[in-house]
PDB file of all heavy atoms in Angstrom:
ATOM      1  N   PRO A   1       3.673  20.660  16.627  1.00  0.00           N
ATOM      2  CA  PRO A   1       3.684  19.206  16.519  1.00  0.00           C
ATOM      3  C   PRO A   1       2.337  18.658  16.064  1.00  0.00           C
ATOM      4  O   PRO A   1       2.276  17.669  15.323  1.00  0.00           O
ATOM      5  CB  PRO A   1       4.054  18.721  17.937  1.00  0.00           C
ATOM      6  CG  PRO A   1       4.270  19.912  18.768  1.00  0.00           C
ATOM      7  CD  PRO A   1       4.029  21.131  17.953  1.00  0.00           C
ATOM      8  N   GLU A   2       1.274  19.277  16.513  1.00  0.00           N
ATOM      9  CA  GLU A   2      -0.074  18.826  16.123  1.00  0.00           C
ATOM     10  C   GLU A   2      -0.298  18.967  14.645  1.00  0.00           C
ATOM     11  O   GLU A   2      -0.832  18.085  13.938  1.00  0.00           O
ATOM     12  CB  GLU A   2      -1.168  19.562  16.901  1.00  0.00           C
ATOM     13  CG  GLU A   2      -1.128  19.329  18.385  1.00  0.00           C
ATOM     14  CD  GLU A   2      -0.082  20.145  19.142  1.00  0.00           C
ATOM     15  OE1 GLU A   2       0.446  21.182  18.576  1.00  0.00           O
ATOM     16  OE2 GLU A   2       0.194  19.815  20.284  1.00  0.00           O
ATOM     17  N   ALA A   3       0.096  20.115  14.097  1.00  0.00           N
ATOM     18  CA  ALA A   3      -0.041  20.340  12.650  1.00  0.00           C
ATOM     19  C   ALA A   3       0.837  19.388  11.847  1.00  0.00           C
ATOM     20  O   ALA A   3       0.414  18.837  10.804  1.00  0.00           O
ATOM     21  CB  ALA A   3       0.339  21.797  12.307  1.00  0.00           C
ATOM     22  N   PHE A   4       2.060  19.120  12.326  1.00  0.00           N
ATOM     23  CA  PHE A   4       2.950  18.177  11.663  1.00  0.00           C
ATOM     24  C   PHE A   4       2.348  16.785  11.650  1.00  0.00           C
ATOM     25  O   PHE A   4       2.318  16.110  10.648  1.00  0.00           O
ATOM     26  CB  PHE A   4       4.320  18.198  12.359  1.00  0.00           C
ATOM     27  CG  PHE A   4       5.359  17.348  11.663  1.00  0.00           C
ATOM     28  CD1 PHE A   4       6.076  17.861  10.593  1.00  0.00           C
ATOM     29  CD2 PHE A   4       5.653  16.081  12.096  1.00  0.00           C
ATOM     30  CE1 PHE A   4       7.044  17.079   9.926  1.00  0.00           C
ATOM     31  CE2 PHE A   4       6.615  15.305  11.482  1.00  0.00           C
ATOM     32  CZ  PHE A   4       7.293  15.793  10.399  1.00  0.00           C
ATOM     33  N   ARG A   5       1.859  16.345  12.809  1.00  0.00           N
ATOM     34  CA  ARG A   5       1.238  15.035  12.937  1.00  0.00           C
ATOM     35  C   ARG A   5       0.042  14.912  11.949  1.00  0.00           C
ATOM     36  O   ARG A   5      -0.061  13.911  11.216  1.00  0.00           O
ATOM     37  CB  ARG A   5       0.737  14.784  14.344  1.00  0.00           C
ATOM     38  CG  ARG A   5       0.071  13.444  14.554  1.00  0.00           C
ATOM     39  CD  ARG A   5      -0.520  13.298  15.973  1.00  0.00           C
ATOM     40  NE  ARG A   5       0.367  13.722  16.989  1.00  0.00           N
ATOM     41  CZ  ARG A   5       1.330  12.999  17.522  1.00  0.00           C
ATOM     42  NH1 ARG A   5       1.555  11.766  17.038  1.00  0.00           N
ATOM     43  NH2 ARG A   5       2.104  13.458  18.466  1.00  0.00           N
ATOM     44  N   HIS A   6      -0.777  15.896  11.925  1.00  0.00           N
ATOM     45  CA  HIS A   6      -1.953  15.873  11.021  1.00  0.00           C
ATOM     46  C   HIS A   6      -1.493  15.860   9.542  1.00  0.00           C
ATOM     47  O   HIS A   6      -2.036  15.055   8.751  1.00  0.00           O
ATOM     48  CB  HIS A   6      -2.815  17.068  11.259  1.00  0.00           C
ATOM     49  CG  HIS A   6      -4.040  17.139  10.379  1.00  0.00           C
ATOM     50  ND1 HIS A   6      -5.111  16.309  10.467  1.00  0.00           N
ATOM     51  CD2 HIS A   6      -4.261  17.947   9.299  1.00  0.00           C
ATOM     52  CE1 HIS A   6      -5.975  16.595   9.506  1.00  0.00           C
ATOM     53  NE2 HIS A   6      -5.505  17.585   8.796  1.00  0.00           N
ATOM     54  N   ALA A   7      -0.525  16.674   9.207  1.00  0.00           N
ATOM     55  CA  ALA A   7      -0.050  16.718   7.784  1.00  0.00           C
ATOM     56  C   ALA A   7       0.596  15.410   7.382  1.00  0.00           C
ATOM     57  O   ALA A   7       0.362  14.893   6.273  1.00  0.00           O
ATOM     58  CB  ALA A   7       0.923  17.870   7.597  1.00  0.00           C
ATOM     59  N   VAL A   8       1.366  14.801   8.264  1.00  0.00           N
ATOM     60  CA  VAL A   8       1.999  13.525   7.972  1.00  0.00           C
ATOM     61  C   VAL A   8       0.954  12.409   7.835  1.00  0.00           C
ATOM     62  O   VAL A   8       0.989  11.626   6.885  1.00  0.00           O
ATOM     63  CB  VAL A   8       3.081  13.111   9.018  1.00  0.00           C
ATOM     64  CG1 VAL A   8       3.529  11.694   8.875  1.00  0.00           C
ATOM     65  CG2 VAL A   8       4.270  14.071   8.903  1.00  0.00           C
ATOM     66  N   GLU A   9       0.006  12.369   8.763  1.00  0.00           N
ATOM     67  CA  GLU A   9      -1.086  11.365   8.661  1.00  0.00           C
ATOM     68  C   GLU A   9      -1.835  11.489   7.356  1.00  0.00           C
ATOM     69  O   GLU A   9      -2.146  10.449   6.734  1.00  0.00           O
ATOM     70  CB  GLU A   9      -2.018  11.490   9.879  1.00  0.00           C
ATOM     71  CG  GLU A   9      -1.387  11.014  11.179  1.00  0.00           C
ATOM     72  CD  GLU A   9      -2.260  11.274  12.399  1.00  0.00           C
ATOM     73  OE1 GLU A   9      -3.331  11.936  12.274  1.00  0.00           O
ATOM     74  OE2 GLU A   9      -1.851  10.865  13.476  1.00  0.00           O
ATOM     75  N   ALA A  10      -2.172  12.700   6.934  1.00  0.00           N
ATOM     76  CA  ALA A  10      -2.903  12.900   5.674  1.00  0.00           C
ATOM     77  C   ALA A  10      -2.028  12.467   4.517  1.00  0.00           C
ATOM     78  O   ALA A  10      -2.509  11.817   3.561  1.00  0.00           O
ATOM     79  CB  ALA A  10      -3.302  14.368   5.529  1.00  0.00           C
ATOM     80  N   PHE A  11      -0.749  12.798   4.524  1.00  0.00           N
ATOM     81  CA  PHE A  11       0.168  12.440   3.470  1.00  0.00           C
ATOM     82  C   PHE A  11       0.323  10.917   3.348  1.00  0.00           C
ATOM     83  O   PHE A  11       0.247  10.352   2.267  1.00  0.00           O
ATOM     84  CB  PHE A  11       1.522  13.093   3.774  1.00  0.00           C
ATOM     85  CG  PHE A  11       2.624  12.782   2.801  1.00  0.00           C
ATOM     86  CD1 PHE A  11       2.593  13.242   1.512  1.00  0.00           C
ATOM     87  CD2 PHE A  11       3.699  12.004   3.216  1.00  0.00           C
ATOM     88  CE1 PHE A  11       3.660  12.949   0.591  1.00  0.00           C
ATOM     89  CE2 PHE A  11       4.744  11.716   2.337  1.00  0.00           C
ATOM     90  CZ  PHE A  11       4.736  12.181   1.035  1.00  0.00           C
ATOM     91  N   LEU A  12       0.497  10.251   4.476  1.00  0.00           N
ATOM     92  CA  LEU A  12       0.678   8.804   4.469  1.00  0.00           C
ATOM     93  C   LEU A  12      -0.618   8.072   4.035  1.00  0.00           C
ATOM     94  O   LEU A  12      -0.571   7.037   3.382  1.00  0.00           O
ATOM     95  CB  LEU A  12       1.114   8.305   5.854  1.00  0.00           C
ATOM     96  CG  LEU A  12       2.477   8.765   6.332  1.00  0.00           C
ATOM     97  CD1 LEU A  12       2.786   8.196   7.729  1.00  0.00           C
ATOM     98  CD2 LEU A  12       3.600   8.389   5.365  1.00  0.00           C
ATOM     99  N   ALA A  13      -1.757   8.629   4.408  1.00  0.00           N
ATOM    100  CA  ALA A  13      -3.053   8.002   4.070  1.00  0.00           C
ATOM    101  C   ALA A  13      -3.267   7.905   2.561  1.00  0.00           C
ATOM    102  O   ALA A  13      -3.992   7.022   2.086  1.00  0.00           O
ATOM    103  CB  ALA A  13      -4.189   8.768   4.701  1.00  0.00           C
ATOM    104  N   GLU A  14      -2.628   8.762   1.800  1.00  0.00           N
ATOM    105  CA  GLU A  14      -2.814   8.816   0.342  1.00  0.00           C
ATOM    106  C   GLU A  14      -1.796   7.949  -0.414  1.00  0.00           C
ATOM    107  O   GLU A  14      -1.834   7.876  -1.652  1.00  0.00           O
ATOM    108  CB  GLU A  14      -2.666  10.236  -0.172  1.00  0.00           C
ATOM    109  CG  GLU A  14      -3.775  11.160   0.366  1.00  0.00           C
ATOM    110  CD  GLU A  14      -3.624  12.599  -0.098  1.00  0.00           C
ATOM    111  OE1 GLU A  14      -2.661  12.855  -0.892  1.00  0.00           O
ATOM    112  OE2 GLU A  14      -4.400  13.429   0.304  1.00  0.00           O
ATOM    113  N   ARG A  15      -0.894   7.256   0.292  1.00  0.00           N
ATOM    114  CA  ARG A  15       0.199   6.535  -0.328  1.00  0.00           C
ATOM    115  C   ARG A  15       0.046   5.048  -0.202  1.00  0.00           C
ATOM    116  O   ARG A  15      -0.339   4.555   0.853  1.00  0.00           O
ATOM    117  CB  ARG A  15       1.528   7.002   0.244  1.00  0.00           C
ATOM    118  CG  ARG A  15       1.767   8.498  -0.057  1.00  0.00           C
ATOM    119  CD  ARG A  15       3.096   8.884   0.369  1.00  0.00           C
ATOM    120  NE  ARG A  15       4.148   8.115  -0.277  1.00  0.00           N
ATOM    121  CZ  ARG A  15       5.019   8.574  -1.142  1.00  0.00           C
ATOM    122  NH1 ARG A  15       4.995   9.843  -1.488  1.00  0.00           N
ATOM    123  NH2 ARG A  15       5.925   7.774  -1.678  1.00  0.00           N
ATOM    124  N   ASP A  16       0.398   4.330  -1.249  1.00  0.00           N
ATOM    125  CA  ASP A  16       0.379   2.857  -1.202  1.00  0.00           C
ATOM    126  C   ASP A  16       1.630   2.274  -0.558  1.00  0.00           C
ATOM    127  O   ASP A  16       1.660   1.097  -0.191  1.00  0.00           O
ATOM    128  CB  ASP A  16       0.304   2.292  -2.650  1.00  0.00           C
ATOM    129  CG  ASP A  16      -1.045   2.607  -3.323  1.00  0.00           C
ATOM    130  OD1 ASP A  16      -2.032   2.772  -2.607  1.00  0.00           O
ATOM    131  OD2 ASP A  16      -1.049   2.723  -4.530  1.00  0.00           O
ATOM    132  N   ASP A  17       2.698   3.091  -0.448  1.00  0.00           N
ATOM    133  CA  ASP A  17       3.974   2.597   0.142  1.00  0.00           C
ATOM    134  C   ASP A  17       4.186   3.003   1.582  1.00  0.00           C
ATOM    135  O   ASP A  17       5.294   2.869   2.090  1.00  0.00           O
ATOM    136  CB  ASP A  17       5.122   3.098  -0.746  1.00  0.00           C
ATOM    137  CG  ASP A  17       5.244   4.589  -0.730  1.00  0.00           C
ATOM    138  OD1 ASP A  17       4.242   5.293  -0.523  1.00  0.00           O
ATOM    139  OD2 ASP A  17       6.394   5.110  -0.919  1.00  0.00           O
ATOM    140  N   ALA A  18       3.152   3.464   2.215  1.00  0.00           N
ATOM    141  CA  ALA A  18       3.277   3.957   3.619  1.00  0.00           C
ATOM    142  C   ALA A  18       3.230   2.784   4.607  1.00  0.00           C
ATOM    143  O   ALA A  18       2.521   1.794   4.386  1.00  0.00           O
ATOM    144  CB  ALA A  18       2.187   4.946   3.958  1.00  0.00           C
ATOM    145  N   THR A  19       3.974   2.919   5.659  1.00  0.00           N
ATOM    146  CA  THR A  19       3.935   2.020   6.808  1.00  0.00           C
ATOM    147  C   THR A  19       3.645   2.832   8.057  1.00  0.00           C
ATOM    148  O   THR A  19       4.287   3.879   8.275  1.00  0.00           O
ATOM    149  CB  THR A  19       5.275   1.266   7.005  1.00  0.00           C
ATOM    150  OG1 THR A  19       5.575   0.553   5.827  1.00  0.00           O
ATOM    151  CG2 THR A  19       5.194   0.275   8.160  1.00  0.00           C
ATOM    152  N   LEU A  20       2.675   2.419   8.830  1.00  0.00           N
ATOM    153  CA  LEU A  20       2.284   3.094  10.060  1.00  0.00           C
ATOM    154  C   LEU A  20       2.821   2.326  11.241  1.00  0.00           C
ATOM    155  O   LEU A  20       3.098   1.130  11.158  1.00  0.00           O
ATOM    156  CB  LEU A  20       0.778   3.239  10.117  1.00  0.00           C
ATOM    157  CG  LEU A  20       0.135   3.959   8.953  1.00  0.00           C
ATOM    158  CD1 LEU A  20      -1.387   3.891   9.073  1.00  0.00           C
ATOM    159  CD2 LEU A  20       0.607   5.391   8.846  1.00  0.00           C
ATOM    160  N   PRO A  21       2.888   2.982  12.421  1.00  0.00           N
ATOM    161  CA  PRO A  21       3.382   2.265  13.620  1.00  0.00           C
ATOM    162  C   PRO A  21       2.601   0.991  13.912  1.00  0.00           C
ATOM    163  O   PRO A  21       3.205  -0.002  14.341  1.00  0.00           O
ATOM    164  CB  PRO A  21       3.222   3.310  14.716  1.00  0.00           C
ATOM    165  CG  PRO A  21       3.419   4.605  14.008  1.00  0.00           C
ATOM    166  CD  PRO A  21       2.741   4.410  12.672  1.00  0.00           C
ATOM    167  N   LYS A  22       1.324   0.960  13.653  1.00  0.00           N
ATOM    168  CA  LYS A  22       0.525  -0.255  13.898  1.00  0.00           C
ATOM    169  C   LYS A  22       1.014  -1.452  13.074  1.00  0.00           C
ATOM    170  O   LYS A  22       0.758  -2.570  13.410  1.00  0.00           O
ATOM    171  CB  LYS A  22      -0.957   0.002  13.700  1.00  0.00           C
ATOM    172  CG  LYS A  22      -1.355   0.238  12.228  1.00  0.00           C
ATOM    173  CD  LYS A  22      -2.833   0.438  12.074  1.00  0.00           C
ATOM    174  CE  LYS A  22      -3.244   0.637  10.643  1.00  0.00           C
ATOM    175  NZ  LYS A  22      -3.072  -0.480   9.753  1.00  0.00           N
ATOM    176  N   ASP A  23       1.682  -1.146  11.947  1.00  0.00           N
ATOM    177  CA  ASP A  23       2.167  -2.178  11.046  1.00  0.00           C
ATOM    178  C   ASP A  23       3.561  -2.691  11.439  1.00  0.00           C
ATOM    179  O   ASP A  23       4.039  -3.664  10.880  1.00  0.00           O
ATOM    180  CB  ASP A  23       2.241  -1.651   9.620  1.00  0.00           C
ATOM    181  CG  ASP A  23       0.887  -1.148   9.110  1.00  0.00           C
ATOM    182  OD1 ASP A  23      -0.128  -1.825   9.404  1.00  0.00           O
ATOM    183  OD2 ASP A  23       0.838  -0.065   8.498  1.00  0.00           O
ATOM    184  N   GLY A  24       4.258  -1.945  12.308  1.00  0.00           N
ATOM    185  CA  GLY A  24       5.628  -2.305  12.706  1.00  0.00           C
ATOM    186  C   GLY A  24       6.668  -1.643  11.842  1.00  0.00           C
ATOM    187  O   GLY A  24       6.396  -1.116  10.788  1.00  0.00           O
ATOM    188  N   TRP A  25       7.892  -1.615  12.390  1.00  0.00           N
ATOM    189  CA  TRP A  25       9.012  -0.991  11.721  1.00  0.00           C
ATOM    190  C   TRP A  25       9.263  -1.670  10.372  1.00  0.00           C
ATOM    191  O   TRP A  25       9.427  -2.883  10.310  1.00  0.00           O
ATOM    192  CB  TRP A  25      10.229  -1.061  12.606  1.00  0.00           C
ATOM    193  CG  TRP A  25      11.445  -0.387  12.113  1.00  0.00           C
ATOM    194  CD1 TRP A  25      12.573  -1.004  11.679  1.00  0.00           C
ATOM    195  CD2 TRP A  25      11.697   1.007  11.991  1.00  0.00           C
ATOM    196  NE1 TRP A  25      13.527  -0.070  11.288  1.00  0.00           N
ATOM    197  CE2 TRP A  25      12.977   1.186  11.474  1.00  0.00           C
ATOM    198  CE3 TRP A  25      10.925   2.146  12.243  1.00  0.00           C
ATOM    199  CZ2 TRP A  25      13.520   2.439  11.206  1.00  0.00           C
ATOM    200  CZ3 TRP A  25      11.471   3.401  11.990  1.00  0.00           C
ATOM    201  CH2 TRP A  25      12.764   3.531  11.483  1.00  0.00           C
ATOM    202  N   PRO A  26       9.372  -0.919   9.272  1.00  0.00           N
ATOM    203  CA  PRO A  26       9.417  -1.514   7.940  1.00  0.00           C
ATOM    204  C   PRO A  26      10.780  -1.922   7.407  1.00  0.00           C
ATOM    205  O   PRO A  26      10.878  -2.665   6.422  1.00  0.00           O
ATOM    206  CB  PRO A  26       8.810  -0.418   7.052  1.00  0.00           C
ATOM    207  CG  PRO A  26       9.246   0.855   7.690  1.00  0.00           C
ATOM    208  CD  PRO A  26       9.179   0.561   9.181  1.00  0.00           C
ATOM    209  N   TRP A  27      11.831  -1.446   8.041  1.00  0.00           N
ATOM    210  CA  TRP A  27      13.154  -1.613   7.465  1.00  0.00           C
ATOM    211  C   TRP A  27      13.956  -2.743   8.170  1.00  0.00           C
ATOM    212  O   TRP A  27      13.719  -3.012   9.329  1.00  0.00           O
ATOM    213  CB  TRP A  27      13.957  -0.342   7.516  1.00  0.00           C
ATOM    214  CG  TRP A  27      13.178   0.889   7.141  1.00  0.00           C
ATOM    215  CD1 TRP A  27      13.033   2.040   7.912  1.00  0.00           C
ATOM    216  CD2 TRP A  27      12.422   1.130   5.976  1.00  0.00           C
ATOM    217  NE1 TRP A  27      12.249   2.932   7.251  1.00  0.00           N
ATOM    218  CE2 TRP A  27      11.844   2.418   6.070  1.00  0.00           C
ATOM    219  CE3 TRP A  27      12.153   0.374   4.860  1.00  0.00           C
ATOM    220  CZ2 TRP A  27      11.031   2.963   5.052  1.00  0.00           C
ATOM    221  CZ3 TRP A  27      11.334   0.900   3.831  1.00  0.00           C
ATOM    222  CH2 TRP A  27      10.787   2.171   3.977  1.00  0.00           C
ATOM    223  N   PRO A  28      14.923  -3.311   7.448  1.00  0.00           N
ATOM    224  CA  PRO A  28      15.771  -4.346   8.082  1.00  0.00           C
ATOM    225  C   PRO A  28      16.822  -3.744   9.048  1.00  0.00           C
ATOM    226  O   PRO A  28      17.526  -4.487   9.717  1.00  0.00           O
ATOM    227  CB  PRO A  28      16.410  -5.027   6.909  1.00  0.00           C
ATOM    228  CG  PRO A  28      16.392  -4.066   5.786  1.00  0.00           C
ATOM    229  CD  PRO A  28      15.179  -3.222   6.022  1.00  0.00           C
ATOM    230  N   TRP A  29      16.955  -2.394   9.075  1.00  0.00           N
ATOM    231  CA  TRP A  29      17.863  -1.759   9.999  1.00  0.00           C
ATOM    232  C   TRP A  29      17.087  -1.252  11.250  1.00  0.00           C
ATOM    233  O   TRP A  29      15.878  -1.133  11.189  1.00  0.00           O
ATOM    234  CB  TRP A  29      18.639  -0.617   9.351  1.00  0.00           C
ATOM    235  CG  TRP A  29      17.793   0.295   8.504  1.00  0.00           C
ATOM    236  CD1 TRP A  29      17.128   1.432   8.947  1.00  0.00           C
ATOM    237  CD2 TRP A  29      17.511   0.199   7.117  1.00  0.00           C
ATOM    238  NE1 TRP A  29      16.434   2.028   7.896  1.00  0.00           N
ATOM    239  CE2 TRP A  29      16.680   1.274   6.754  1.00  0.00           C
ATOM    240  CE3 TRP A  29      17.894  -0.692   6.112  1.00  0.00           C
ATOM    241  CZ2 TRP A  29      16.199   1.490   5.459  1.00  0.00           C
ATOM    242  CZ3 TRP A  29      17.439  -0.462   4.830  1.00  0.00           C
ATOM    243  CH2 TRP A  29      16.607   0.561   4.515  1.00  0.00           C
ATOM    244  N   GLU A  30      17.781  -0.964  12.300  1.00  0.00           N
ATOM    245  CA  GLU A  30      17.136  -0.679  13.630  1.00  0.00           C
ATOM    246  C   GLU A  30      16.607   0.731  13.797  1.00  0.00           C
ATOM    247  O   GLU A  30      15.707   0.966  14.584  1.00  0.00           O
ATOM    248  CB  GLU A  30      18.112  -0.975  14.725  1.00  0.00           C
ATOM    249  CG  GLU A  30      18.440  -2.427  14.811  1.00  0.00           C
ATOM    250  CD  GLU A  30      19.360  -2.745  15.978  1.00  0.00           C
ATOM    251  OE1 GLU A  30      19.422  -1.947  16.946  1.00  0.00           O
ATOM    252  OE2 GLU A  30      20.054  -3.756  15.935  1.00  0.00           O
ATOM    253  N   ASP A  31      17.181   1.706  13.088  1.00  0.00           N
ATOM    254  CA  ASP A  31      16.750   3.084  13.260  1.00  0.00           C
ATOM    255  C   ASP A  31      16.931   3.885  11.976  1.00  0.00           C
ATOM    256  O   ASP A  31      17.347   3.316  10.984  1.00  0.00           O
ATOM    257  CB  ASP A  31      17.481   3.732  14.444  1.00  0.00           C
ATOM    258  CG  ASP A  31      18.986   3.729  14.267  1.00  0.00           C
ATOM    259  OD1 ASP A  31      19.465   3.859  13.111  1.00  0.00           O
ATOM    260  OD2 ASP A  31      19.707   3.639  15.275  1.00  0.00           O
ATOM    261  N   SER A  32      16.616   5.154  12.012  1.00  0.00           N
ATOM    262  CA  SER A  32      16.635   5.966  10.817  1.00  0.00           C
ATOM    263  C   SER A  32      18.019   6.452  10.361  1.00  0.00           C
ATOM    264  O   SER A  32      18.122   7.164   9.373  1.00  0.00           O
ATOM    265  CB  SER A  32      15.729   7.218  11.012  1.00  0.00           C
ATOM    266  OG  SER A  32      14.394   6.793  11.127  1.00  0.00           O
ATOM    267  N   GLN A  33      19.045   6.006  11.034  1.00  0.00           N
ATOM    268  CA  GLN A  33      20.377   6.443  10.610  1.00  0.00           C
ATOM    269  C   GLN A  33      20.742   5.919   9.201  1.00  0.00           C
ATOM    270  O   GLN A  33      21.532   6.524   8.487  1.00  0.00           O
ATOM    271  CB  GLN A  33      21.428   5.945  11.597  1.00  0.00           C
ATOM    272  CG  GLN A  33      21.326   6.714  12.921  1.00  0.00           C
ATOM    273  CD  GLN A  33      22.420   6.322  13.883  1.00  0.00           C
ATOM    274  OE1 GLN A  33      23.391   5.648  13.524  1.00  0.00           O
ATOM    275  NE2 GLN A  33      22.304   6.758  15.104  1.00  0.00           N
ATOM    276  N   THR A  34      20.104   4.850   8.767  1.00  0.00           N
ATOM    277  CA  THR A  34      20.367   4.284   7.436  1.00  0.00           C
ATOM    278  C   THR A  34      19.264   4.685   6.433  1.00  0.00           C
ATOM    279  O   THR A  34      19.477   4.538   5.236  1.00  0.00           O
ATOM    280  CB  THR A  34      20.476   2.750   7.525  1.00  0.00           C
ATOM    281  OG1 THR A  34      21.417   2.427   8.505  1.00  0.00           O
ATOM    282  CG2 THR A  34      20.893   2.141   6.215  1.00  0.00           C
ATOM    283  N   THR A  35      18.162   5.200   6.913  1.00  0.00           N
ATOM    284  CA  THR A  35      17.085   5.621   6.042  1.00  0.00           C
ATOM    285  C   THR A  35      17.554   6.841   5.244  1.00  0.00           C
ATOM    286  O   THR A  35      18.271   7.684   5.775  1.00  0.00           O
ATOM    287  CB  THR A  35      15.823   5.992   6.840  1.00  0.00           C
ATOM    288  OG1 THR A  35      15.495   4.817   7.651  1.00  0.00           O
ATOM    289  CG2 THR A  35      14.647   6.293   5.960  1.00  0.00           C
ATOM    290  N   ASP A  36      17.124   6.980   3.983  1.00  0.00           N
ATOM    291  CA  ASP A  36      17.562   8.055   3.114  1.00  0.00           C
ATOM    292  C   ASP A  36      17.195   9.440   3.693  1.00  0.00           C
ATOM    293  O   ASP A  36      18.009  10.379   3.664  1.00  0.00           O
ATOM    294  CB  ASP A  36      16.952   7.904   1.728  1.00  0.00           C
ATOM    295  CG  ASP A  36      17.397   6.613   1.091  1.00  0.00           C
ATOM    296  OD1 ASP A  36      18.603   6.356   0.944  1.00  0.00           O
ATOM    297  OD2 ASP A  36      16.497   5.801   0.721  1.00  0.00           O
ATOM    298  N   TYR A  37      15.969   9.570   4.204  1.00  0.00           N
ATOM    299  CA  TYR A  37      15.496  10.846   4.767  1.00  0.00           C
ATOM    300  C   TYR A  37      14.772  10.574   6.077  1.00  0.00           C
ATOM    301  O   TYR A  37      14.028   9.609   6.185  1.00  0.00           O
ATOM    302  CB  TYR A  37      14.536  11.558   3.791  1.00  0.00           C
ATOM    303  CG  TYR A  37      15.192  12.144   2.601  1.00  0.00           C
ATOM    304  CD1 TYR A  37      15.432  11.360   1.470  1.00  0.00           C
ATOM    305  CD2 TYR A  37      15.644  13.458   2.575  1.00  0.00           C
ATOM    306  CE1 TYR A  37      16.070  11.870   0.363  1.00  0.00           C
ATOM    307  CE2 TYR A  37      16.257  13.986   1.477  1.00  0.00           C
ATOM    308  CZ  TYR A  37      16.460  13.189   0.359  1.00  0.00           C
ATOM    309  OH  TYR A  37      17.141  13.694  -0.723  1.00  0.00           O
ATOM    310  N   ALA A  38      14.961  11.466   7.042  1.00  0.00           N
ATOM    311  CA  ALA A  38      14.210  11.437   8.285  1.00  0.00           C
ATOM    312  C   ALA A  38      13.609  12.857   8.459  1.00  0.00           C
ATOM    313  O   ALA A  38      14.377  13.792   8.624  1.00  0.00           O
ATOM    314  CB  ALA A  38      15.060  11.078   9.457  1.00  0.00           C
ATOM    315  N   TRP A  39      12.313  12.926   8.371  1.00  0.00           N
ATOM    316  CA  TRP A  39      11.629  14.215   8.531  1.00  0.00           C
ATOM    317  C   TRP A  39      11.129  14.285   9.967  1.00  0.00           C
ATOM    318  O   TRP A  39      10.478  13.322  10.439  1.00  0.00           O
ATOM    319  CB  TRP A  39      10.474  14.331   7.573  1.00  0.00           C
ATOM    320  CG  TRP A  39      10.885  14.329   6.124  1.00  0.00           C
ATOM    321  CD1 TRP A  39      11.009  13.254   5.321  1.00  0.00           C
ATOM    322  CD2 TRP A  39      11.299  15.434   5.331  1.00  0.00           C
ATOM    323  NE1 TRP A  39      11.454  13.614   4.067  1.00  0.00           N
ATOM    324  CE2 TRP A  39      11.576  14.997   4.042  1.00  0.00           C
ATOM    325  CE3 TRP A  39      11.334  16.821   5.645  1.00  0.00           C
ATOM    326  CZ2 TRP A  39      12.005  15.865   3.039  1.00  0.00           C
ATOM    327  CZ3 TRP A  39      11.738  17.647   4.607  1.00  0.00           C
ATOM    328  CH2 TRP A  39      12.075  17.195   3.325  1.00  0.00           C
ATOM    329  N   ALA A  40      11.397  15.378  10.646  1.00  0.00           N
ATOM    330  CA  ALA A  40      10.990  15.492  12.053  1.00  0.00           C
ATOM    331  C   ALA A  40      10.520  16.904  12.390  1.00  0.00           C
ATOM    332  O   ALA A  40      11.071  17.852  11.863  1.00  0.00           O
ATOM    333  CB  ALA A  40      12.167  15.100  12.958  1.00  0.00           C
ATOM    334  N   PHE A  41       9.524  16.984  13.282  1.00  0.00           N
ATOM    335  CA  PHE A  41       9.212  18.251  13.843  1.00  0.00           C
ATOM    336  C   PHE A  41       9.916  18.297  15.199  1.00  0.00           C
ATOM    337  O   PHE A  41       9.733  17.434  16.053  1.00  0.00           O
ATOM    338  CB  PHE A  41       7.670  18.403  14.044  1.00  0.00           C
ATOM    339  CG  PHE A  41       7.352  19.776  14.587  1.00  0.00           C
ATOM    340  CD1 PHE A  41       7.180  20.787  13.696  1.00  0.00           C
ATOM    341  CD2 PHE A  41       7.278  20.010  15.948  1.00  0.00           C
ATOM    342  CE1 PHE A  41       6.898  22.091  14.149  1.00  0.00           C
ATOM    343  CE2 PHE A  41       7.044  21.305  16.437  1.00  0.00           C
ATOM    344  CZ  PHE A  41       6.859  22.326  15.522  1.00  0.00           C
TER     345      PHE A  41
END
């Protein structure tokens, strides 16, 4: 989980379209069931 967290944080830091938890949930739906992809460790 630590490696996954670090890899995701590094990946998101390089993107202009990233949303972090401090920014709030980005989608008009309530959970990831409607999101195209959900990547999880």
